[in-house]
């Protein structure tokens, strides 16, 4: 089975509701567990094409302002020779910046209160997509997976064009990481009493 077929199989077979629930909603038992699992997702962020990230930020009118602010801070004391970077080095520099931006957003996002079940997800992102543009990119990709309930179906009905476009960005390794998140979630639902012990073991052994 080639990667494309395998991706489609996992993409259509596994709903990522647990990822979304853990990221968005209040679930105190899982604060550390989700941080561990999302850190795994973070390892795959650098594999997204720079152009894909920039197109997303451009759609929010953020691409130029974010990267220009970073350039102004970093280039104040650089001479003119540094402006002759190759396209490859420029892309690497941008990817490093977007990776730092993602880490910064993720830390801030995970320290905020989660939504309650009564809160409106669409309203939340209509405001916070400008505060957490890279996190928004993640949910924009993963949440294009077919919804499992009416509420999410209504949410995605406003995003009719993203399924095909985003499937190409969902690598098999990322799907594996998402399945890890799902397994964490399912384990926590049935084994609350042992979750602290396991998390401590993972942290103590730097897993």
Protein backbone atom coordinates (compact mmCIF):
# COMPACT_ATOMS: atom_id res chain seq x y z
CA UNK A 1 0.00 0.00 0.00
CA UNK A 2 1.61 3.29 -1.07
CA UNK A 3 1.67 6.36 1.15
CA UNK A 4 -1.11 8.12 -0.74
CA UNK A 5 -3.55 5.23 -0.37
CA UNK A 6 -2.46 4.64 3.20
CA UNK A 7 -2.97 8.32 4.05
CA UNK A 8 -6.46 8.27 2.58
CA UNK A 9 -7.31 5.10 4.49
CA UNK A 10 -6.27 6.56 7.85
CA UNK A 11 -7.63 9.98 6.98
CA UNK A 12 -11.10 8.60 6.35
CA UNK A 13 -11.09 5.85 8.98
CA UNK A 14 -10.05 7.80 12.09
CA UNK A 15 -11.86 10.90 13.28
CA UNK A 16 -9.65 13.31 15.18
CA UNK A 17 -12.35 14.36 17.63
CA UNK A 18 -10.14 13.50 20.65
CA UNK A 19 -7.41 15.85 19.42
CA UNK A 20 -9.91 18.64 18.97
CA UNK A 21 -11.61 18.00 22.30
CA UNK A 22 -8.35 17.94 24.18
CA UNK A 23 -7.00 21.03 22.47
CA UNK A 24 -10.13 23.13 22.64
CA UNK A 25 -12.22 22.03 25.60
CA UNK A 26 -11.76 21.83 29.35
CA UNK A 27 -10.31 18.49 30.41
CA UNK A 28 -8.17 19.11 33.55
CA UNK A 29 -6.96 15.50 33.83
CA UNK A 30 -5.40 15.78 30.40
CA UNK A 31 -3.43 19.03 30.59
CA UNK A 32 -0.07 17.26 30.79
CA UNK A 33 -1.10 14.39 28.57
CA UNK A 34 -2.17 16.67 25.77
CA UNK A 35 0.99 18.73 26.09
CA UNK A 36 3.04 15.55 25.66
CA UNK A 37 1.02 14.43 22.64
CA UNK A 38 0.95 17.86 20.99
CA UNK A 39 4.71 18.12 21.43
CA UNK A 40 4.86 15.03 19.21
CA UNK A 41 2.82 16.86 16.59
CA UNK A 42 5.19 19.78 16.87
CA UNK A 43 8.02 17.56 15.64
CA UNK A 44 6.22 17.28 12.30
CA UNK A 45 5.49 20.97 11.89
CA UNK A 46 8.77 21.64 10.11
CA UNK A 47 7.72 19.22 7.37
CA UNK A 48 4.97 21.51 6.17
CA UNK A 49 6.06 23.45 3.07
CA UNK A 50 6.93 27.07 3.80
CA UNK A 51 4.71 28.10 0.90
CA UNK A 52 1.76 26.32 2.50
CA UNK A 53 2.24 28.17 5.78
CA UNK A 54 2.69 31.49 4.00
CA UNK A 55 -0.43 31.02 1.88
CA UNK A 56 -2.40 30.36 5.05
CA UNK A 57 -1.01 33.45 6.78
CA UNK A 58 -1.56 35.50 3.66
CA UNK A 59 -5.22 34.51 3.74
CA UNK A 60 -5.34 36.16 7.18
CA UNK A 61 -3.35 39.16 5.93
CA UNK A 62 -0.61 38.22 8.41
CA UNK A 63 2.19 36.71 6.32
CA UNK A 64 4.09 39.84 5.48
CA UNK A 65 3.57 41.62 8.80
CA UNK A 66 4.70 38.64 10.88
CA UNK A 67 7.82 37.92 8.88
CA UNK A 68 8.71 41.54 8.32
CA UNK A 69 8.56 42.21 12.07
CA UNK A 70 10.89 39.27 12.61
CA UNK A 71 13.26 40.54 9.92
CA UNK A 72 13.35 44.03 11.41
CA UNK A 73 14.32 42.64 14.79
CA UNK A 74 16.98 40.34 13.43
CA UNK A 75 18.47 42.47 10.66
CA UNK A 76 19.02 45.85 12.30
CA UNK A 77 22.77 45.30 12.52
CA UNK A 78 23.28 43.15 9.43
CA UNK A 79 25.22 44.50 6.44
CA UNK A 80 24.12 44.48 2.82
CA UNK A 81 25.85 41.21 2.05
CA UNK A 82 23.31 39.34 4.14
CA UNK A 83 20.60 40.41 1.72
CA UNK A 84 22.10 38.13 -0.92
CA UNK A 85 20.91 34.91 0.68
CA UNK A 86 19.98 32.03 -1.58
CA UNK A 87 16.34 31.04 -1.91
CA UNK A 88 17.09 27.89 0.06
CA UNK A 89 18.59 29.72 3.02
CA UNK A 90 15.71 32.20 3.00
CA UNK A 91 13.23 29.35 3.18
CA UNK A 92 15.15 27.73 6.01
CA UNK A 93 15.22 31.02 7.88
CA UNK A 94 11.48 31.43 7.47
CA UNK A 95 10.80 27.88 8.58
CA UNK A 96 12.90 28.43 11.71
CA UNK A 97 10.89 31.54 12.44
CA UNK A 98 7.53 29.85 11.90
CA UNK A 99 8.65 26.96 14.12
CA UNK A 100 9.50 29.40 16.91
CA UNK A 101 6.18 31.14 16.36
CA UNK A 102 4.35 27.83 16.62
CA UNK A 103 6.14 26.93 19.88
CA UNK A 104 5.35 30.32 21.34
CA UNK A 105 1.69 30.10 20.32
CA UNK A 106 1.37 26.57 21.62
CA UNK A 107 2.76 27.46 25.04
CA UNK A 108 0.38 30.39 25.35
CA UNK A 109 -2.57 28.47 23.97
CA UNK A 110 -2.18 25.54 26.35
CA UNK A 111 -1.99 27.90 29.32
CA UNK A 112 -5.36 29.45 28.50
CA UNK A 113 -8.66 28.16 29.80
CA UNK A 114 -10.28 25.66 27.47
CA UNK A 115 -13.71 26.25 26.07
CA UNK A 116 -16.76 24.83 27.73
CA UNK A 117 -19.07 22.56 25.76
CA UNK A 118 -21.55 25.42 25.48
CA UNK A 119 -19.07 27.77 23.81
CA UNK A 120 -19.20 28.36 20.08
CA UNK A 121 -16.09 27.00 18.34
CA UNK A 122 -16.63 29.02 15.20
CA UNK A 123 -16.93 32.27 17.14
CA UNK A 124 -13.78 31.39 19.09
CA UNK A 125 -11.69 30.96 15.94
CA UNK A 126 -13.19 33.96 14.18
CA UNK A 127 -11.41 36.07 16.80
CA UNK A 128 -8.47 33.95 17.91
CA UNK A 129 -7.23 32.95 14.47
CA UNK A 130 -5.39 36.28 14.46
CA UNK A 131 -3.92 35.66 17.91
CA UNK A 132 -2.95 32.04 17.19
CA UNK A 133 -2.53 31.92 13.40
CA UNK A 134 -0.29 28.83 13.39
CA UNK A 135 -2.53 26.91 15.81
CA UNK A 136 -5.39 27.91 13.55
CA UNK A 137 -3.51 26.42 10.62
CA UNK A 138 -3.32 23.11 12.48
CA UNK A 139 -7.01 22.95 13.23
CA UNK A 140 -7.68 24.17 9.70
CA UNK A 141 -5.87 21.09 8.37
CA UNK A 142 -6.92 18.42 10.85
CA UNK A 143 -10.47 19.54 11.32
CA UNK A 144 -11.15 19.23 7.60
CA UNK A 145 -11.46 15.52 8.42
CA UNK A 146 -15.13 14.52 8.07
CA UNK A 147 -17.02 15.66 11.15
CA UNK A 148 -18.68 13.16 13.45
CA UNK A 149 -21.53 15.28 14.73
CA UNK A 150 -23.98 17.89 13.52
CA UNK A 151 -22.32 20.80 15.30
CA UNK A 152 -18.98 20.22 13.61
CA UNK A 153 -20.69 19.52 10.29
CA UNK A 154 -22.26 22.96 10.48
CA UNK A 155 -18.87 24.43 11.30
CA UNK A 156 -17.22 22.78 8.31
CA UNK A 157 -20.04 23.61 5.95
CA UNK A 158 -18.51 27.10 5.90
CA UNK A 159 -15.17 25.65 4.77
CA UNK A 160 -16.19 23.71 1.64
CA UNK A 161 -12.91 23.99 -0.21
CA UNK A 162 -10.35 22.78 2.30
CA UNK A 163 -10.66 18.99 2.28
CA UNK A 164 -8.81 18.23 -0.93
CA UNK A 165 -6.33 21.04 -0.46
CA UNK A 166 -5.32 19.96 3.03
CA UNK A 167 -5.14 16.21 2.54
CA UNK A 168 -1.90 16.64 0.62
CA UNK A 169 -0.34 18.32 3.69
CA UNK A 170 -1.30 15.54 6.09
CA UNK A 171 1.77 13.28 6.15
CA UNK A 172 1.55 9.68 7.28
CA UNK A 173 3.89 10.43 10.20
CA UNK A 174 1.51 13.16 11.33
CA UNK A 175 -1.42 10.78 11.17
CA UNK A 176 0.54 8.39 13.37
CA UNK A 177 1.06 11.21 15.87
CA UNK A 178 -2.65 11.99 15.80
CA UNK A 179 -3.44 8.36 16.48
CA UNK A 180 -1.13 8.57 19.47
CA UNK A 181 -3.23 11.49 20.71
CA UNK A 182 -6.38 9.47 20.20
CA UNK A 183 -4.94 6.53 22.13
CA UNK A 184 -3.92 8.82 24.99
CA UNK A 185 -7.44 10.17 25.08
CA UNK A 186 -9.07 6.73 25.06
CA UNK A 187 -6.71 5.44 27.75
CA UNK A 188 -7.46 8.44 29.95
CA UNK A 189 -11.19 7.85 29.67
CA UNK A 190 -10.87 4.40 31.24
CA UNK A 191 -7.79 4.67 33.44
CA UNK A 192 -7.96 8.00 35.26
CA UNK A 193 -6.37 6.54 38.39
CA UNK A 194 -3.10 5.62 36.61
CA UNK A 195 -2.65 8.62 34.37
CA UNK A 196 -0.49 10.61 36.80
CA UNK A 197 1.88 7.67 37.29
CA UNK A 198 2.30 7.18 33.56
CA UNK A 199 2.85 10.88 32.85
CA UNK A 200 5.48 11.05 35.59
CA UNK A 201 7.20 8.02 34.10
CA UNK A 202 7.25 9.63 30.65
CA UNK A 203 8.64 12.88 32.02
CA UNK A 204 11.24 11.20 34.24
CA UNK A 205 12.55 9.18 31.32
CA UNK A 206 12.37 12.06 28.83
CA UNK A 207 10.03 10.14 26.53
